[in-house]
Amino acid sequence: MIMEKQTLNRAQRRKVETRQKLVNSAVKLLSSQSLSELTVRAITEEADVGYGTFYLHFSDRDDIVWEIISSILDQTNELMNQQVSSLPFLQKEFARLRIFFDFVSKNQTQFLTVLGENSSPTLAYRYRNAIAEMTHRNFKDNNYQSDLTDVPLETVANFYSGAMLRLATWWIENENEFTPEQMAQMVYKMVFPNSKLPF
């Protein structure tokens, strides 16, 4: 549970500030090195805090990296929903696909850090689960729509999110010539084969 800053005492404020320093340091280091190069020691030195302090906030390196990733996912999902909320159904679905592939294209290194060949199994597992849960939540909140009324939404969400993540990974690992717009068009045609592109 997140407490409002004004209700925190000095010790609590210091704890929050230290945690944020660690996160900021990890973000800075990841901008110039790979996940495999990132260490707890490097994070604490960059943050100028004791090595043991790290473990008061995070269980290991993957734990702090996951905090960064999950924050980005939540912000991106919220922004996407805001951008497409007023569009008709089919336009909304195509806009989501275009935004998704644009995001993957602009964040290829970070995406492969989590899901590429040399990624952390723990992070990859958490990422796939988070995307499936986010997709399921979007279906339940009517941000996404499905005509498959006889198929549980959780099944639809896991199928859809798994296919999208695998497709995006293949796309950027193979330096494919397709643009984000073309990827969005192809997926749209596969998901809605009887509908024309909505533009």
C-alpha atoms as a PDB file:
ATOM      1  CA  MET A   1       0.000   0.000   0.000  1.00  0.00           C
ATOM      2  CA  ILE A   2       1.392   3.393  -1.040  1.00  0.00           C
ATOM      3  CA  MET A   3       1.170   6.070   1.627  1.00  0.00           C
ATOM      4  CA  GLU A   4       0.749   9.743   0.791  1.00  0.00           C
ATOM      5  CA  LYS A   5       4.067  11.538   1.107  1.00  0.00           C
ATOM      6  CA  GLN A   6       2.763  14.031   3.690  1.00  0.00           C
ATOM      7  CA  THR A   7       1.761  11.212   6.082  1.00  0.00           C
ATOM      8  CA  LEU A   8       5.212   9.619   6.119  1.00  0.00           C
ATOM      9  CA  ASN A   9       7.568  10.173   9.008  1.00  0.00           C
ATOM     10  CA  ARG A  10      11.263  10.883   8.448  1.00  0.00           C
ATOM     11  CA  ALA A  11      12.326   7.217   8.483  1.00  0.00           C
ATOM     12  CA  GLN A  12       9.584   6.265   6.048  1.00  0.00           C
ATOM     13  CA  ARG A  13      10.469   9.139   3.722  1.00  0.00           C
ATOM     14  CA  ARG A  14      14.115   8.082   3.785  1.00  0.00           C
ATOM     15  CA  LYS A  15      13.114   4.506   2.921  1.00  0.00           C
ATOM     16  CA  VAL A  16      11.001   5.659  -0.033  1.00  0.00           C
ATOM     17  CA  GLU A  17      13.781   7.971  -1.251  1.00  0.00           C
ATOM     18  CA  THR A  18      16.406   5.221  -0.991  1.00  0.00           C
ATOM     19  CA  ARG A  19      14.225   2.800  -2.925  1.00  0.00           C
ATOM     20  CA  GLN A  20      13.708   5.400  -5.637  1.00  0.00           C
ATOM     21  CA  LYS A  21      17.452   6.094  -5.797  1.00  0.00           C
ATOM     22  CA  LEU A  22      18.067   2.402  -6.378  1.00  0.00           C
ATOM     23  CA  VAL A  23      15.434   2.263  -9.128  1.00  0.00           C
ATOM     24  CA  ASN A  24      16.786   5.409 -10.809  1.00  0.00           C
ATOM     25  CA  SER A  25      20.294   3.977 -10.695  1.00  0.00           C
ATOM     26  CA  ALA A  26      19.173   0.706 -12.261  1.00  0.00           C
ATOM     27  CA  VAL A  27      17.388   2.614 -15.036  1.00  0.00           C
ATOM     28  CA  LYS A  28      20.517   4.678 -15.698  1.00  0.00           C
ATOM     29  CA  LEU A  29      22.766   1.623 -15.827  1.00  0.00           C
ATOM     30  CA  LEU A  30      20.405  -0.290 -18.108  1.00  0.00           C
ATOM     31  CA  SER A  31      20.521   2.567 -20.597  1.00  0.00           C
ATOM     32  CA  SER A  32      24.208   1.844 -21.200  1.00  0.00           C
ATOM     33  CA  GLN A  33      24.612  -1.878 -20.496  1.00  0.00           C
ATOM     34  CA  SER A  34      22.819  -5.172 -20.961  1.00  0.00           C
ATOM     35  CA  LEU A  35      20.835  -6.997 -18.310  1.00  0.00           C
ATOM     36  CA  SER A  36      23.543  -9.646 -18.069  1.00  0.00           C
ATOM     37  CA  GLU A  37      26.063  -6.931 -17.154  1.00  0.00           C
ATOM     38  CA  LEU A  38      23.864  -5.348 -14.493  1.00  0.00           C
ATOM     39  CA  THR A  39      24.772  -6.289 -10.915  1.00  0.00           C
ATOM     40  CA  VAL A  40      23.468  -5.399  -7.484  1.00  0.00           C
ATOM     41  CA  ARG A  41      26.930  -4.035  -6.656  1.00  0.00           C
ATOM     42  CA  ALA A  42      26.838  -1.663  -9.627  1.00  0.00           C
ATOM     43  CA  ILE A  43      23.350  -0.448  -8.688  1.00  0.00           C
ATOM     44  CA  THR A  44      24.287   0.297  -5.072  1.00  0.00           C
ATOM     45  CA  GLU A  45      27.488   2.053  -6.093  1.00  0.00           C
ATOM     46  CA  GLU A  46      25.607   4.201  -8.594  1.00  0.00           C
ATOM     47  CA  ALA A  47      22.979   4.999  -5.946  1.00  0.00           C
ATOM     48  CA  ASP A  48      25.693   5.589  -3.318  1.00  0.00           C
ATOM     49  CA  VAL A  49      24.060   3.299  -0.763  1.00  0.00           C
ATOM     50  CA  GLY A  50      25.378   0.267   1.092  1.00  0.00           C
ATOM     51  CA  TYR A  51      25.281  -3.116  -0.626  1.00  0.00           C
ATOM     52  CA  GLY A  52      23.132  -4.625   2.123  1.00  0.00           C
ATOM     53  CA  THR A  53      20.648  -1.751   1.836  1.00  0.00           C
ATOM     54  CA  PHE A  54      19.596  -3.081  -1.549  1.00  0.00           C
ATOM     55  CA  TYR A  55      18.173  -6.225   0.069  1.00  0.00           C
ATOM     56  CA  LEU A  56      15.970  -4.192   2.387  1.00  0.00           C
ATOM     57  CA  HIS A  57      14.045  -3.142  -0.738  1.00  0.00           C
ATOM     58  CA  PHE A  58      14.487  -5.874  -3.365  1.00  0.00           C
ATOM     59  CA  SER A  59      15.125  -9.605  -3.277  1.00  0.00           C
ATOM     60  CA  ASP A  60      17.590  -9.632  -6.187  1.00  0.00           C
ATOM     61  CA  ARG A  61      18.564  -7.921  -9.438  1.00  0.00           C
ATOM     62  CA  ASP A  62      15.588  -9.263 -11.358  1.00  0.00           C
ATOM     63  CA  ASP A  63      13.240  -7.912  -8.695  1.00  0.00           C
ATOM     64  CA  ILE A  64      14.321  -4.298  -9.213  1.00  0.00           C
ATOM     65  CA  VAL A  65      14.344  -4.704 -13.005  1.00  0.00           C
ATOM     66  CA  TRP A  66      10.810  -6.061 -12.800  1.00  0.00           C
ATOM     67  CA  GLU A  67       9.689  -3.004 -10.849  1.00  0.00           C
ATOM     68  CA  ILE A  68      10.953  -0.823 -13.703  1.00  0.00           C
ATOM     69  CA  ILE A  69       9.323  -2.986 -16.369  1.00  0.00           C
ATOM     70  CA  SER A  70       5.957  -3.276 -14.617  1.00  0.00           C
ATOM     71  CA  SER A  71       5.815   0.489 -14.146  1.00  0.00           C
ATOM     72  CA  ILE A  72       6.424   1.020 -17.871  1.00  0.00           C
ATOM     73  CA  LEU A  73       3.766  -1.575 -18.734  1.00  0.00           C
ATOM     74  CA  ASP A  74       1.153   0.078 -16.525  1.00  0.00           C
ATOM     75  CA  GLN A  75       1.888   3.542 -17.921  1.00  0.00           C
ATOM     76  CA  THR A  76       1.835   2.307 -21.523  1.00  0.00           C
ATOM     77  CA  ASN A  77      -1.438   0.432 -21.037  1.00  0.00           C
ATOM     78  CA  GLU A  78      -3.092   3.462 -19.456  1.00  0.00           C
ATOM     79  CA  LEU A  79      -1.852   5.763 -22.219  1.00  0.00           C
ATOM     80  CA  MET A  80      -3.015   3.336 -24.909  1.00  0.00           C
ATOM     81  CA  ASN A  81      -6.496   3.091 -23.422  1.00  0.00           C
ATOM     82  CA  GLN A  82      -6.751   6.878 -23.247  1.00  0.00           C
ATOM     83  CA  GLN A  83      -5.675   7.287 -26.871  1.00  0.00           C
ATOM     84  CA  VAL A  84      -8.191   4.831 -28.314  1.00  0.00           C
ATOM     85  CA  SER A  85     -11.141   5.133 -25.905  1.00  0.00           C
ATOM     86  CA  SER A  86     -13.312   7.287 -28.182  1.00  0.00           C
ATOM     87  CA  LEU A  87     -12.776   5.250 -31.368  1.00  0.00           C
ATOM     88  CA  PRO A  88     -15.318   2.779 -32.842  1.00  0.00           C
ATOM     89  CA  PHE A  89     -14.530  -0.883 -32.176  1.00  0.00           C
ATOM     90  CA  LEU A  90     -12.578  -1.859 -35.307  1.00  0.00           C
ATOM     91  CA  GLN A  91     -10.660   1.423 -35.459  1.00  0.00           C
ATOM     92  CA  LYS A  92      -9.843   0.980 -31.784  1.00  0.00           C
ATOM     93  CA  GLU A  93      -8.488  -2.536 -32.355  1.00  0.00           C
ATOM     94  CA  PHE A  94      -6.312  -1.426 -35.264  1.00  0.00           C
ATOM     95  CA  ALA A  95      -5.045   1.602 -33.298  1.00  0.00           C
ATOM     96  CA  ARG A  96      -4.052  -0.697 -30.413  1.00  0.00           C
ATOM     97  CA  LEU A  97      -2.060  -2.911 -32.769  1.00  0.00           C
ATOM     98  CA  ARG A  98      -0.282   0.072 -34.308  1.00  0.00           C
ATOM     99  CA  ILE A  99       0.565   1.513 -30.880  1.00  0.00           C
ATOM    100  CA  PHE A 100       1.832  -1.889 -29.705  1.00  0.00           C
ATOM    101  CA  PHE A 101       4.176  -2.394 -32.656  1.00  0.00           C
ATOM    102  CA  ASP A 102       5.348   1.220 -32.468  1.00  0.00           C
ATOM    103  CA  PHE A 103       6.192   0.661 -28.798  1.00  0.00           C
ATOM    104  CA  VAL A 104       8.077  -2.566 -29.535  1.00  0.00           C
ATOM    105  CA  SER A 105       9.969  -0.931 -32.401  1.00  0.00           C
ATOM    106  CA  LYS A 106      11.064   2.027 -30.266  1.00  0.00           C
ATOM    107  CA  ASN A 107      12.027  -0.193 -27.310  1.00  0.00           C
ATOM    108  CA  GLN A 108      13.646  -3.158 -29.047  1.00  0.00           C
ATOM    109  CA  THR A 109      16.603  -3.458 -26.686  1.00  0.00           C
ATOM    110  CA  GLN A 110      14.425  -3.384 -23.579  1.00  0.00           C
ATOM    111  CA  PHE A 111      11.946  -5.809 -25.138  1.00  0.00           C
ATOM    112  CA  LEU A 112      14.657  -8.337 -25.987  1.00  0.00           C
ATOM    113  CA  THR A 113      16.167  -7.868 -22.522  1.00  0.00           C
ATOM    114  CA  VAL A 114      12.996  -9.441 -21.182  1.00  0.00           C
ATOM    115  CA  LEU A 115      11.965 -11.862 -23.920  1.00  0.00           C
ATOM    116  CA  GLY A 116      15.001 -12.390 -26.148  1.00  0.00           C
ATOM    117  CA  GLU A 117      17.366 -15.337 -26.354  1.00  0.00           C
ATOM    118  CA  ASN A 118      19.579 -14.132 -23.486  1.00  0.00           C
ATOM    119  CA  SER A 119      16.809 -12.893 -21.222  1.00  0.00           C
ATOM    120  CA  SER A 120      16.287 -13.837 -17.580  1.00  0.00           C
ATOM    121  CA  PRO A 121      13.822 -16.762 -17.266  1.00  0.00           C
ATOM    122  CA  THR A 122      12.330 -15.128 -14.166  1.00  0.00           C
ATOM    123  CA  LEU A 123      11.721 -11.808 -15.921  1.00  0.00           C
ATOM    124  CA  ALA A 124      10.353 -13.504 -19.041  1.00  0.00           C
ATOM    125  CA  TYR A 125       7.911 -15.526 -16.932  1.00  0.00           C
ATOM    126  CA  ARG A 126       6.745 -12.483 -14.986  1.00  0.00           C
ATOM    127  CA  TYR A 127       6.428 -10.410 -18.164  1.00  0.00           C
ATOM    128  CA  ARG A 128       4.304 -13.000 -19.975  1.00  0.00           C
ATOM    129  CA  ASN A 129       2.056 -13.382 -16.940  1.00  0.00           C
ATOM    130  CA  ALA A 130       1.704  -9.614 -16.520  1.00  0.00           C
ATOM    131  CA  ILE A 131       0.758  -9.126 -20.171  1.00  0.00           C
ATOM    132  CA  ALA A 132      -1.805 -11.944 -19.974  1.00  0.00           C
ATOM    133  CA  GLU A 133      -3.287 -10.499 -16.763  1.00  0.00           C
ATOM    134  CA  MET A 134      -3.355  -6.984 -18.242  1.00  0.00           C
ATOM    135  CA  THR A 135      -5.069  -8.283 -21.387  1.00  0.00           C
ATOM    136  CA  HIS A 136      -7.607 -10.189 -19.287  1.00  0.00           C
ATOM    137  CA  ARG A 137      -8.291  -7.072 -17.211  1.00  0.00           C
ATOM    138  CA  ASN A 138      -8.763  -5.008 -20.367  1.00  0.00           C
ATOM    139  CA  PHE A 139     -11.333  -7.517 -21.644  1.00  0.00           C
ATOM    140  CA  LYS A 140     -13.180  -7.455 -18.305  1.00  0.00           C
ATOM    141  CA  ASP A 141     -13.151  -3.644 -18.241  1.00  0.00           C
ATOM    142  CA  ASN A 142     -14.443  -3.557 -21.826  1.00  0.00           C
ATOM    143  CA  ASN A 143     -11.311  -1.860 -23.106  1.00  0.00           C
ATOM    144  CA  TYR A 144     -10.953  -4.917 -25.408  1.00  0.00           C
ATOM    145  CA  GLN A 145     -13.825  -6.784 -27.039  1.00  0.00           C
ATOM    146  CA  SER A 146     -14.298 -10.421 -27.989  1.00  0.00           C
ATOM    147  CA  ASP A 147     -17.097 -12.042 -29.968  1.00  0.00           C
ATOM    148  CA  LEU A 148     -16.138 -15.456 -28.558  1.00  0.00           C
ATOM    149  CA  THR A 149     -18.872 -15.540 -25.938  1.00  0.00           C
ATOM    150  CA  ASP A 150     -18.496 -19.291 -25.404  1.00  0.00           C
ATOM    151  CA  VAL A 151     -14.749 -19.048 -24.642  1.00  0.00           C
ATOM    152  CA  PRO A 152     -13.633 -17.813 -21.182  1.00  0.00           C
ATOM    153  CA  LEU A 153     -11.991 -14.382 -21.312  1.00  0.00           C
ATOM    154  CA  GLU A 154      -8.947 -15.713 -19.470  1.00  0.00           C
ATOM    155  CA  THR A 155      -8.400 -18.228 -22.278  1.00  0.00           C
ATOM    156  CA  VAL A 156      -8.786 -15.539 -24.939  1.00  0.00           C
ATOM    157  CA  ALA A 157      -6.424 -13.208 -23.064  1.00  0.00           C
ATOM    158  CA  ASN A 158      -3.686 -15.831 -22.696  1.00  0.00           C
ATOM    159  CA  PHE A 159      -3.977 -16.912 -26.335  1.00  0.00           C
ATOM    160  CA  TYR A 160      -3.941 -13.361 -27.684  1.00  0.00           C
ATOM    161  CA  SER A 161      -1.158 -12.039 -25.448  1.00  0.00           C
ATOM    162  CA  GLY A 162       1.026 -15.103 -26.025  1.00  0.00           C
ATOM    163  CA  ALA A 163       0.660 -14.845 -29.799  1.00  0.00           C
ATOM    164  CA  MET A 164       1.390 -11.107 -29.805  1.00  0.00           C
ATOM    165  CA  LEU A 165       4.515 -11.426 -27.648  1.00  0.00           C
ATOM    166  CA  ARG A 166       5.899 -14.284 -29.731  1.00  0.00           C
ATOM    167  CA  LEU A 167       5.187 -12.428 -32.979  1.00  0.00           C
ATOM    168  CA  ALA A 168       6.823  -9.231 -31.711  1.00  0.00           C
ATOM    169  CA  THR A 169       9.884 -11.150 -30.504  1.00  0.00           C
ATOM    170  CA  TRP A 170      10.275 -12.870 -33.883  1.00  0.00           C
ATOM    171  CA  TRP A 171       9.844  -9.532 -35.671  1.00  0.00           C
ATOM    172  CA  ILE A 172      12.645  -7.702 -33.883  1.00  0.00           C
ATOM    173  CA  GLU A 173      15.006 -10.671 -33.423  1.00  0.00           C
ATOM    174  CA  ASN A 174      15.078 -11.184 -37.185  1.00  0.00           C
ATOM    175  CA  GLU A 175      15.375  -7.494 -38.100  1.00  0.00           C
ATOM    176  CA  ASN A 176      12.329  -7.954 -40.279  1.00  0.00           C
ATOM    177  CA  GLU A 177      11.681  -5.504 -43.101  1.00  0.00           C
ATOM    178  CA  PHE A 178       8.077  -4.967 -42.037  1.00  0.00           C
ATOM    179  CA  THR A 179       7.228  -1.596 -40.493  1.00  0.00           C
ATOM    180  CA  PRO A 180       5.082  -1.284 -37.343  1.00  0.00           C
ATOM    181  CA  GLU A 181       2.209  -0.160 -39.584  1.00  0.00           C
ATOM    182  CA  GLN A 182       2.558  -3.253 -41.774  1.00  0.00           C
ATOM    183  CA  MET A 183       2.733  -5.524 -38.730  1.00  0.00           C
ATOM    184  CA  ALA A 184      -0.453  -3.963 -37.379  1.00  0.00           C
ATOM    185  CA  GLN A 185      -2.182  -4.442 -40.739  1.00  0.00           C
ATOM    186  CA  MET A 186      -1.187  -8.114 -41.002  1.00  0.00           C
ATOM    187  CA  VAL A 187      -2.317  -8.941 -37.466  1.00  0.00           C
ATOM    188  CA  TYR A 188      -5.574  -7.075 -38.030  1.00  0.00           C
ATOM    189  CA  LYS A 189      -6.236  -9.167 -41.156  1.00  0.00           C
ATOM    190  CA  MET A 190      -5.577 -12.379 -39.186  1.00  0.00           C
ATOM    191  CA  VAL A 191      -7.768 -11.399 -36.236  1.00  0.00           C
ATOM    192  CA  PHE A 192     -10.552  -9.820 -38.308  1.00  0.00           C
ATOM    193  CA  PRO A 193     -10.372 -11.699 -41.651  1.00  0.00           C
ATOM    194  CA  ASN A 194     -13.825 -10.566 -42.781  1.00  0.00           C
ATOM    195  CA  SER A 195     -13.283  -6.872 -42.063  1.00  0.00           C
ATOM    196  CA  LYS A 196     -11.575  -4.233 -44.180  1.00  0.00           C
ATOM    197  CA  LEU A 197      -8.797  -2.168 -42.655  1.00  0.00           C
ATOM    198  CA  PRO A 198     -10.553   0.698 -40.803  1.00  0.00           C
ATOM    199  CA  PHE A 199      -8.932   3.663 -42.566  1.00  0.00           C
END
